[in-house]
């Protein structure tokens, strides 16, 4: 079931990431992270798939006591928690995609209305439509859209916060489960004490190290994008006022002002 879900997710991500609009910085990189994250979670769960069979205890222990020792040793979820944080990663990203698409759609509609009004006033609607660029290629301007920039930054903060919590749980909850040589078990109904161990602990530790590396990379990239966005769109935008050179009419008017007047005499 998990393999089918991952295999079905890859073509969808490939088709969506193939969109060349790239209406914000790093869009295709985030789709790549989603694909890598899904494959990594699917691969690293394999050493943990038969955890209950890899748990053994020394001595003559009954099967109910073995189960009770296993439940007391692994009282917190492991693989399910990995899936949960992968879901959070997807949810934060696609929420940002949804709001970005809504704002972009509103901007395209507003530009269409403005262009139609300008065409009617100039009386050359057909000619201007043939020369004007397609509004589908319009991109939101983070220098002007402060609400959109805030959404962009909040997405990074949420990703860093969730991955930071994930790193804490991996290091202080999951890694100690397979780092001990033996696990001492003593419960009320099974006083023991029993000394248990987990087979394949090296592979299980490597899977945790892989998730730690991936989570650290996500935190690093999110922090980099956050600092770049704050510097380029917020701080730099406050120091240097933006000039609307993207509009063709403003650019032509600026060129006409800068051009010298023609000569008034001939040879």
C-alpha atoms as a PDB file:
ATOM      1  CA  UNK A   1       0.000   0.000   0.000  1.00  0.00           C
ATOM      2  CA  UNK A   2       2.773   2.458   0.911  1.00  0.00           C
ATOM      3  CA  UNK A   3       4.761   1.542  -2.207  1.00  0.00           C
ATOM      4  CA  UNK A   4       1.697   2.132  -4.402  1.00  0.00           C
ATOM      5  CA  UNK A   5       1.097   5.511  -2.759  1.00  0.00           C
ATOM      6  CA  UNK A   6       4.700   6.613  -3.320  1.00  0.00           C
ATOM      7  CA  UNK A   7       4.691   5.299  -6.902  1.00  0.00           C
ATOM      8  CA  UNK A   8       1.466   7.172  -7.636  1.00  0.00           C
ATOM      9  CA  UNK A   9       2.741  10.372  -6.039  1.00  0.00           C
ATOM     10  CA  UNK A  10       5.871  10.675  -8.190  1.00  0.00           C
ATOM     11  CA  UNK A  11       4.119  11.210 -11.601  1.00  0.00           C
ATOM     12  CA  UNK A  12       1.806  13.802 -10.068  1.00  0.00           C
ATOM     13  CA  UNK A  13       4.717  15.712  -8.577  1.00  0.00           C
ATOM     14  CA  UNK A  14       6.629  15.463 -11.858  1.00  0.00           C
ATOM     15  CA  UNK A  15       3.740  16.929 -13.851  1.00  0.00           C
ATOM     16  CA  UNK A  16       3.135  19.752 -11.367  1.00  0.00           C
ATOM     17  CA  UNK A  17       6.817  20.549 -10.951  1.00  0.00           C
ATOM     18  CA  UNK A  18       7.146  20.704 -14.741  1.00  0.00           C
ATOM     19  CA  UNK A  19       5.187  23.949 -14.736  1.00  0.00           C
ATOM     20  CA  UNK A  20       7.681  26.562 -15.919  1.00  0.00           C
ATOM     21  CA  UNK A  21       5.839  29.495 -14.371  1.00  0.00           C
ATOM     22  CA  UNK A  22       7.912  29.350 -11.147  1.00  0.00           C
ATOM     23  CA  UNK A  23       5.886  32.169  -9.631  1.00  0.00           C
ATOM     24  CA  UNK A  24       7.991  32.175  -6.482  1.00  0.00           C
ATOM     25  CA  UNK A  25      11.616  31.371  -5.746  1.00  0.00           C
ATOM     26  CA  UNK A  26      12.473  27.712  -5.130  1.00  0.00           C
ATOM     27  CA  UNK A  27       9.155  26.188  -6.217  1.00  0.00           C
ATOM     28  CA  UNK A  28      10.645  23.264  -8.139  1.00  0.00           C
ATOM     29  CA  UNK A  29      13.109  22.646  -5.304  1.00  0.00           C
ATOM     30  CA  UNK A  30      10.222  22.145  -2.877  1.00  0.00           C
ATOM     31  CA  UNK A  31       8.572  19.633  -5.190  1.00  0.00           C
ATOM     32  CA  UNK A  32      11.886  17.809  -5.297  1.00  0.00           C
ATOM     33  CA  UNK A  33      11.985  17.775  -1.501  1.00  0.00           C
ATOM     34  CA  UNK A  34       8.501  16.255  -1.404  1.00  0.00           C
ATOM     35  CA  UNK A  35       9.518  13.430  -3.741  1.00  0.00           C
ATOM     36  CA  UNK A  36      12.765  12.766  -1.852  1.00  0.00           C
ATOM     37  CA  UNK A  37      11.017  12.940   1.530  1.00  0.00           C
ATOM     38  CA  UNK A  38       8.377  10.401   0.469  1.00  0.00           C
ATOM     39  CA  UNK A  39      10.949   7.962  -0.925  1.00  0.00           C
ATOM     40  CA  UNK A  40      13.190   8.303   2.141  1.00  0.00           C
ATOM     41  CA  UNK A  41      10.350   7.670   4.595  1.00  0.00           C
ATOM     42  CA  UNK A  42       9.274   4.626   2.603  1.00  0.00           C
ATOM     43  CA  UNK A  43      12.823   3.208   2.505  1.00  0.00           C
ATOM     44  CA  UNK A  44      13.818   3.850   6.127  1.00  0.00           C
ATOM     45  CA  UNK A  45      10.652   2.246   7.462  1.00  0.00           C
ATOM     46  CA  UNK A  46      11.689  -1.159   6.095  1.00  0.00           C
ATOM     47  CA  UNK A  47      14.055  -2.085   8.990  1.00  0.00           C
ATOM     48  CA  UNK A  48      11.233  -1.197  11.397  1.00  0.00           C
ATOM     49  CA  UNK A  49       8.493  -3.116   9.581  1.00  0.00           C
ATOM     50  CA  UNK A  50       8.903  -6.294  11.693  1.00  0.00           C
ATOM     51  CA  UNK A  51       9.912  -4.669  14.953  1.00  0.00           C
ATOM     52  CA  UNK A  52       7.762  -6.984  17.057  1.00  0.00           C
ATOM     53  CA  UNK A  53       9.547 -10.000  15.551  1.00  0.00           C
ATOM     54  CA  UNK A  54      12.984  -8.441  16.114  1.00  0.00           C
ATOM     55  CA  UNK A  55      12.326  -8.030  19.838  1.00  0.00           C
ATOM     56  CA  UNK A  56      13.676 -10.950  21.891  1.00  0.00           C
ATOM     57  CA  UNK A  57      14.226 -11.550  25.589  1.00  0.00           C
ATOM     58  CA  UNK A  58      16.697 -13.889  27.333  1.00  0.00           C
ATOM     59  CA  UNK A  59      15.573 -16.725  29.562  1.00  0.00           C
ATOM     60  CA  UNK A  60      12.309 -18.565  29.822  1.00  0.00           C
ATOM     61  CA  UNK A  61       9.716 -15.891  29.217  1.00  0.00           C
ATOM     62  CA  UNK A  62       6.111 -16.457  28.284  1.00  0.00           C
ATOM     63  CA  UNK A  63       4.621 -14.937  25.165  1.00  0.00           C
ATOM     64  CA  UNK A  64       2.282 -12.571  27.101  1.00  0.00           C
ATOM     65  CA  UNK A  65       5.247 -11.286  29.091  1.00  0.00           C
ATOM     66  CA  UNK A  66       7.230 -10.846  25.879  1.00  0.00           C
ATOM     67  CA  UNK A  67       4.430  -8.729  24.440  1.00  0.00           C
ATOM     68  CA  UNK A  68       4.165  -6.734  27.662  1.00  0.00           C
ATOM     69  CA  UNK A  69       7.909  -6.058  27.661  1.00  0.00           C
ATOM     70  CA  UNK A  70       7.711  -4.980  24.032  1.00  0.00           C
ATOM     71  CA  UNK A  71       4.825  -2.600  24.717  1.00  0.00           C
ATOM     72  CA  UNK A  72       6.577  -1.080  27.727  1.00  0.00           C
ATOM     73  CA  UNK A  73       9.832  -0.620  25.800  1.00  0.00           C
ATOM     74  CA  UNK A  74       8.219   0.868  22.668  1.00  0.00           C
ATOM     75  CA  UNK A  75       5.434   2.862  24.271  1.00  0.00           C
ATOM     76  CA  UNK A  76       5.728   5.775  21.809  1.00  0.00           C
ATOM     77  CA  UNK A  77       5.029   5.448  18.056  1.00  0.00           C
ATOM     78  CA  UNK A  78       7.979   5.342  15.686  1.00  0.00           C
ATOM     79  CA  UNK A  79       7.035   4.844  12.031  1.00  0.00           C
ATOM     80  CA  UNK A  80       3.624   6.427  12.541  1.00  0.00           C
ATOM     81  CA  UNK A  81       5.325   9.563  13.843  1.00  0.00           C
ATOM     82  CA  UNK A  82       7.511   9.691  10.738  1.00  0.00           C
ATOM     83  CA  UNK A  83       4.402   9.562   8.559  1.00  0.00           C
ATOM     84  CA  UNK A  84       2.786  12.283  10.645  1.00  0.00           C
ATOM     85  CA  UNK A  85       5.646  14.737  10.147  1.00  0.00           C
ATOM     86  CA  UNK A  86       5.742  13.909   6.438  1.00  0.00           C
ATOM     87  CA  UNK A  87       2.045  14.781   6.335  1.00  0.00           C
ATOM     88  CA  UNK A  88       2.784  18.085   8.108  1.00  0.00           C
ATOM     89  CA  UNK A  89       5.484  18.848   5.545  1.00  0.00           C
ATOM     90  CA  UNK A  90       3.010  18.228   2.726  1.00  0.00           C
ATOM     91  CA  UNK A  91       0.200  20.149   4.432  1.00  0.00           C
ATOM     92  CA  UNK A  92       2.277  23.289   5.037  1.00  0.00           C
ATOM     93  CA  UNK A  93       3.605  23.283   1.482  1.00  0.00           C
ATOM     94  CA  UNK A  94       0.278  22.737  -0.279  1.00  0.00           C
ATOM     95  CA  UNK A  95      -1.447  25.324   1.909  1.00  0.00           C
ATOM     96  CA  UNK A  96       1.135  27.834   0.734  1.00  0.00           C
ATOM     97  CA  UNK A  97       0.611  26.650  -2.868  1.00  0.00           C
ATOM     98  CA  UNK A  98      -3.149  27.117  -2.511  1.00  0.00           C
ATOM     99  CA  UNK A  99      -2.933  30.685  -1.197  1.00  0.00           C
ATOM    100  CA  UNK A 100      -0.231  31.571  -3.730  1.00  0.00           C
ATOM    101  CA  UNK A 101      -2.448  30.319  -6.551  1.00  0.00           C
ATOM    102  CA  UNK A 102      -5.421  32.304  -5.237  1.00  0.00           C
ATOM    103  CA  UNK A 103      -3.439  35.537  -5.086  1.00  0.00           C
ATOM    104  CA  UNK A 104      -1.942  34.885  -8.514  1.00  0.00           C
ATOM    105  CA  UNK A 105      -5.398  34.259  -9.981  1.00  0.00           C
ATOM    106  CA  UNK A 106      -6.689  37.544  -8.536  1.00  0.00           C
ATOM    107  CA  UNK A 107      -3.708  39.409  -9.968  1.00  0.00           C
ATOM    108  CA  UNK A 108      -4.291  37.946 -13.430  1.00  0.00           C
ATOM    109  CA  UNK A 109      -7.971  38.960 -13.330  1.00  0.00           C
ATOM    110  CA  UNK A 110      -7.059  42.471 -12.178  1.00  0.00           C
ATOM    111  CA  UNK A 111      -4.523  42.859 -14.992  1.00  0.00           C
ATOM    112  CA  UNK A 112      -7.056  41.630 -17.533  1.00  0.00           C
ATOM    113  CA  UNK A 113      -9.579  44.240 -16.379  1.00  0.00           C
ATOM    114  CA  UNK A 114      -6.939  46.985 -16.480  1.00  0.00           C
ATOM    115  CA  UNK A 115      -5.765  45.999 -19.965  1.00  0.00           C
ATOM    116  CA  UNK A 116      -9.327  45.900 -21.315  1.00  0.00           C
ATOM    117  CA  UNK A 117     -10.048  49.335 -19.850  1.00  0.00           C
ATOM    118  CA  UNK A 118      -6.866  50.728 -21.384  1.00  0.00           C
ATOM    119  CA  UNK A 119      -7.741  49.205 -24.762  1.00  0.00           C
ATOM    120  CA  UNK A 120     -11.167  50.830 -24.756  1.00  0.00           C
ATOM    121  CA  UNK A 121      -9.714  54.237 -23.866  1.00  0.00           C
ATOM    122  CA  UNK A 122      -7.038  54.093 -26.565  1.00  0.00           C
ATOM    123  CA  UNK A 123      -9.420  52.761 -29.207  1.00  0.00           C
ATOM    124  CA  UNK A 124      -6.968  50.119 -30.403  1.00  0.00           C
ATOM    125  CA  UNK A 125      -7.949  47.064 -28.473  1.00  0.00           C
ATOM    126  CA  UNK A 126      -6.987  44.510 -31.135  1.00  0.00           C
ATOM    127  CA  UNK A 127      -3.526  45.905 -31.796  1.00  0.00           C
ATOM    128  CA  UNK A 128      -2.621  46.203 -28.154  1.00  0.00           C
ATOM    129  CA  UNK A 129      -3.828  42.673 -27.401  1.00  0.00           C
ATOM    130  CA  UNK A 130      -1.565  41.280 -30.100  1.00  0.00           C
ATOM    131  CA  UNK A 131       1.512  43.057 -28.724  1.00  0.00           C
ATOM    132  CA  UNK A 132       0.812  42.698 -25.003  1.00  0.00           C
ATOM    133  CA  UNK A 133       2.395  39.764 -23.134  1.00  0.00           C
ATOM    134  CA  UNK A 134       0.153  36.996 -21.910  1.00  0.00           C
ATOM    135  CA  UNK A 135      -1.178  37.666 -18.384  1.00  0.00           C
ATOM    136  CA  UNK A 136      -0.687  34.006 -17.512  1.00  0.00           C
ATOM    137  CA  UNK A 137       3.035  34.699 -17.118  1.00  0.00           C
ATOM    138  CA  UNK A 138       2.461  37.359 -14.490  1.00  0.00           C
ATOM    139  CA  UNK A 139       4.204  36.738 -11.200  1.00  0.00           C
ATOM    140  CA  UNK A 140       3.385  38.193  -7.796  1.00  0.00           C
ATOM    141  CA  UNK A 141       5.679  41.009  -6.736  1.00  0.00           C
ATOM    142  CA  UNK A 142       6.858  40.374  -3.181  1.00  0.00           C
ATOM    143  CA  UNK A 143       8.066  43.985  -2.948  1.00  0.00           C
ATOM    144  CA  UNK A 144       4.442  45.147  -3.198  1.00  0.00           C
ATOM    145  CA  UNK A 145       2.467  42.127  -1.941  1.00  0.00           C
ATOM    146  CA  UNK A 146       3.405  42.227   1.741  1.00  0.00           C
ATOM    147  CA  UNK A 147       0.630  39.799   2.686  1.00  0.00           C
ATOM    148  CA  UNK A 148       1.974  37.317   0.158  1.00  0.00           C
ATOM    149  CA  UNK A 149       5.493  37.780   1.486  1.00  0.00           C
ATOM    150  CA  UNK A 150       4.218  37.191   5.016  1.00  0.00           C
ATOM    151  CA  UNK A 151       2.605  33.942   3.873  1.00  0.00           C
ATOM    152  CA  UNK A 152       5.888  32.918   2.250  1.00  0.00           C
ATOM    153  CA  UNK A 153       7.824  33.596   5.468  1.00  0.00           C
ATOM    154  CA  UNK A 154       5.253  31.911   7.718  1.00  0.00           C
ATOM    155  CA  UNK A 155       5.568  28.769   5.599  1.00  0.00           C
ATOM    156  CA  UNK A 156       9.309  28.662   6.305  1.00  0.00           C
ATOM    157  CA  UNK A 157       8.780  29.232  10.021  1.00  0.00           C
ATOM    158  CA  UNK A 158       6.249  26.399  10.192  1.00  0.00           C
ATOM    159  CA  UNK A 159       8.564  24.041   8.331  1.00  0.00           C
ATOM    160  CA  UNK A 160      11.525  24.897  10.562  1.00  0.00           C
ATOM    161  CA  UNK A 161       9.423  24.506  13.723  1.00  0.00           C
ATOM    162  CA  UNK A 162       7.968  21.136  12.727  1.00  0.00           C
ATOM    163  CA  UNK A 163      11.318  19.767  11.573  1.00  0.00           C
ATOM    164  CA  UNK A 164      12.953  21.017  14.768  1.00  0.00           C
ATOM    165  CA  UNK A 165      10.425  19.087  16.847  1.00  0.00           C
ATOM    166  CA  UNK A 166      10.988  16.077  14.582  1.00  0.00           C
ATOM    167  CA  UNK A 167      14.750  16.271  15.152  1.00  0.00           C
ATOM    168  CA  UNK A 168      14.207  16.409  18.908  1.00  0.00           C
ATOM    169  CA  UNK A 169      11.993  13.311  18.854  1.00  0.00           C
ATOM    170  CA  UNK A 170      14.386  11.400  16.612  1.00  0.00           C
ATOM    171  CA  UNK A 171      17.384  12.146  18.806  1.00  0.00           C
ATOM    172  CA  UNK A 172      15.876  11.865  22.277  1.00  0.00           C
ATOM    173  CA  UNK A 173      13.030   9.364  21.777  1.00  0.00           C
ATOM    174  CA  UNK A 174      13.693   7.060  18.842  1.00  0.00           C
ATOM    175  CA  UNK A 175      17.477   6.767  18.820  1.00  0.00           C
ATOM    176  CA  UNK A 176      17.756   5.588  22.472  1.00  0.00           C
ATOM    177  CA  UNK A 177      15.365   2.719  21.683  1.00  0.00           C
ATOM    178  CA  UNK A 178      17.982   1.033  19.481  1.00  0.00           C
ATOM    179  CA  UNK A 179      21.165   2.422  21.057  1.00  0.00           C
ATOM    180  CA  UNK A 180      21.084   0.273  24.196  1.00  0.00           C
ATOM    181  CA  UNK A 181      22.864  -3.079  24.183  1.00  0.00           C
ATOM    182  CA  UNK A 182      20.119  -4.663  26.287  1.00  0.00           C
ATOM    183  CA  UNK A 183      16.739  -3.521  27.555  1.00  0.00           C
ATOM    184  CA  UNK A 184      15.821  -4.354  31.147  1.00  0.00           C
ATOM    185  CA  UNK A 185      12.149  -5.266  31.507  1.00  0.00           C
ATOM    186  CA  UNK A 186      10.252  -5.604  34.759  1.00  0.00           C
ATOM    187  CA  UNK A 187       6.492  -5.040  35.021  1.00  0.00           C
ATOM    188  CA  UNK A 188       3.841  -5.717  37.619  1.00  0.00           C
ATOM    189  CA  UNK A 189       2.517  -8.908  36.041  1.00  0.00           C
ATOM    190  CA  UNK A 190       5.963  -9.966  34.767  1.00  0.00           C
ATOM    191  CA  UNK A 191       8.433  -8.978  37.524  1.00  0.00           C
ATOM    192  CA  UNK A 192      11.384 -10.759  35.890  1.00  0.00           C
ATOM    193  CA  UNK A 193      13.637  -8.997  35.508  1.00  0.00           C
ATOM    194  CA  UNK A 194      14.120  -9.870  31.840  1.00  0.00           C
ATOM    195  CA  UNK A 195      16.916  -8.674  29.597  1.00  0.00           C
ATOM    196  CA  UNK A 196      15.775  -8.063  26.045  1.00  0.00           C
ATOM    197  CA  UNK A 197      17.377  -6.884  22.834  1.00  0.00           C
ATOM    198  CA  UNK A 198      16.380  -5.706  19.366  1.00  0.00           C
ATOM    199  CA  UNK A 199      17.819  -7.412  16.305  1.00  0.00           C
ATOM    200  CA  UNK A 200      19.070  -5.311  13.407  1.00  0.00           C
ATOM    201  CA  UNK A 201      19.770  -2.314  15.617  1.00  0.00           C
ATOM    202  CA  UNK A 202      22.475  -0.998  13.264  1.00  0.00           C
ATOM    203  CA  UNK A 203      20.065  -0.746  10.318  1.00  0.00           C
ATOM    204  CA  UNK A 204      17.481   0.886  12.551  1.00  0.00           C
ATOM    205  CA  UNK A 205      20.005   3.458  13.756  1.00  0.00           C
ATOM    206  CA  UNK A 206      21.045   4.195  10.178  1.00  0.00           C
ATOM    207  CA  UNK A 207      17.421   4.824   9.228  1.00  0.00           C
ATOM    208  CA  UNK A 208      17.156   7.349  12.059  1.00  0.00           C
ATOM    209  CA  UNK A 209      20.408   9.012  10.980  1.00  0.00           C
ATOM    210  CA  UNK A 210      19.027   9.288   7.446  1.00  0.00           C
ATOM    211  CA  UNK A 211      15.907  11.049   8.695  1.00  0.00           C
ATOM    212  CA  UNK A 212      18.021  13.334  10.882  1.00  0.00           C
ATOM    213  CA  UNK A 213      20.120  14.309   7.851  1.00  0.00           C
ATOM    214  CA  UNK A 214      17.050  14.976   5.709  1.00  0.00           C
ATOM    215  CA  UNK A 215      15.372  17.009   8.435  1.00  0.00           C
ATOM    216  CA  UNK A 216      18.533  19.042   8.971  1.00  0.00           C
ATOM    217  CA  UNK A 217      18.757  19.764   5.234  1.00  0.00           C
ATOM    218  CA  UNK A 218      15.145  20.985   5.200  1.00  0.00           C
ATOM    219  CA  UNK A 219      15.840  23.269   8.173  1.00  0.00           C
ATOM    220  CA  UNK A 220      18.966  24.583   6.449  1.00  0.00           C
ATOM    221  CA  UNK A 221      17.184  25.347   3.171  1.00  0.00           C
ATOM    222  CA  UNK A 222      14.175  26.897   4.929  1.00  0.00           C
ATOM    223  CA  UNK A 223      16.448  29.134   6.992  1.00  0.00           C
ATOM    224  CA  UNK A 224      18.356  30.148   3.866  1.00  0.00           C
ATOM    225  CA  UNK A 225      15.185  30.999   1.945  1.00  0.00           C
ATOM    226  CA  UNK A 226      13.817  32.863   4.965  1.00  0.00           C
ATOM    227  CA  UNK A 227      16.917  35.053   5.343  1.00  0.00           C
ATOM    228  CA  UNK A 228      17.107  35.656   1.593  1.00  0.00           C
ATOM    229  CA  UNK A 229      13.438  36.669   1.429  1.00  0.00           C
ATOM    230  CA  UNK A 230      13.709  39.004   4.416  1.00  0.00           C
ATOM    231  CA  UNK A 231      16.837  40.660   3.013  1.00  0.00           C
ATOM    232  CA  UNK A 232      15.805  40.859  -0.640  1.00  0.00           C
ATOM    233  CA  UNK A 233      12.076  41.580  -0.419  1.00  0.00           C
ATOM    234  CA  UNK A 234      11.641  43.251   2.976  1.00  0.00           C
ATOM    235  CA  UNK A 235      14.809  45.073   4.048  1.00  0.00           C
ATOM    236  CA  UNK A 236      16.052  45.882   0.555  1.00  0.00           C
ATOM    237  CA  UNK A 237      12.554  46.934  -0.484  1.00  0.00           C
ATOM    238  CA  UNK A 238      12.414  49.422   2.389  1.00  0.00           C
ATOM    239  CA  UNK A 239      15.767  50.962   1.457  1.00  0.00           C
ATOM    240  CA  UNK A 240      15.273  51.144  -2.312  1.00  0.00           C
ATOM    241  CA  UNK A 241      11.792  52.116  -3.622  1.00  0.00           C
ATOM    242  CA  UNK A 242      10.612  49.883  -6.412  1.00  0.00           C
ATOM    243  CA  UNK A 243      10.196  51.389  -9.908  1.00  0.00           C
ATOM    244  CA  UNK A 244       7.507  49.890 -12.101  1.00  0.00           C
ATOM    245  CA  UNK A 245       9.593  49.098 -15.211  1.00  0.00           C
ATOM    246  CA  UNK A 246       7.692  45.913 -15.900  1.00  0.00           C
ATOM    247  CA  UNK A 247       4.865  47.787 -17.537  1.00  0.00           C
ATOM    248  CA  UNK A 248       5.526  48.455 -21.219  1.00  0.00           C
ATOM    249  CA  UNK A 249       3.783  51.831 -21.239  1.00  0.00           C
ATOM    250  CA  UNK A 250       5.843  53.190 -18.352  1.00  0.00           C
ATOM    251  CA  UNK A 251       9.055  51.942 -19.980  1.00  0.00           C
ATOM    252  CA  UNK A 252       8.230  53.617 -23.304  1.00  0.00           C
ATOM    253  CA  UNK A 253       7.362  56.878 -21.573  1.00  0.00           C
ATOM    254  CA  UNK A 254      10.642  56.794 -19.667  1.00  0.00           C
ATOM    255  CA  UNK A 255      12.600  56.194 -22.875  1.00  0.00           C
ATOM    256  CA  UNK A 256      10.820  59.089 -24.599  1.00  0.00           C
ATOM    257  CA  UNK A 257      11.818  61.432 -21.799  1.00  0.00           C
ATOM    258  CA  UNK A 258      15.447  60.307 -21.855  1.00  0.00           C
ATOM    259  CA  UNK A 259      15.857  60.610 -25.670  1.00  0.00           C
ATOM    260  CA  UNK A 260      17.327  63.954 -26.912  1.00  0.00           C
ATOM    261  CA  UNK A 261      15.202  66.150 -29.240  1.00  0.00           C
ATOM    262  CA  UNK A 262      15.837  65.800 -32.998  1.00  0.00           C
ATOM    263  CA  UNK A 263      18.127  68.274 -34.727  1.00  0.00           C
ATOM    264  CA  UNK A 264      16.375  71.359 -36.166  1.00  0.00           C
ATOM    265  CA  UNK A 265      18.785  72.063 -39.070  1.00  0.00           C
ATOM    266  CA  UNK A 266      19.915  70.129 -42.090  1.00  0.00           C
ATOM    267  CA  UNK A 267      23.162  70.187 -43.983  1.00  0.00           C
END
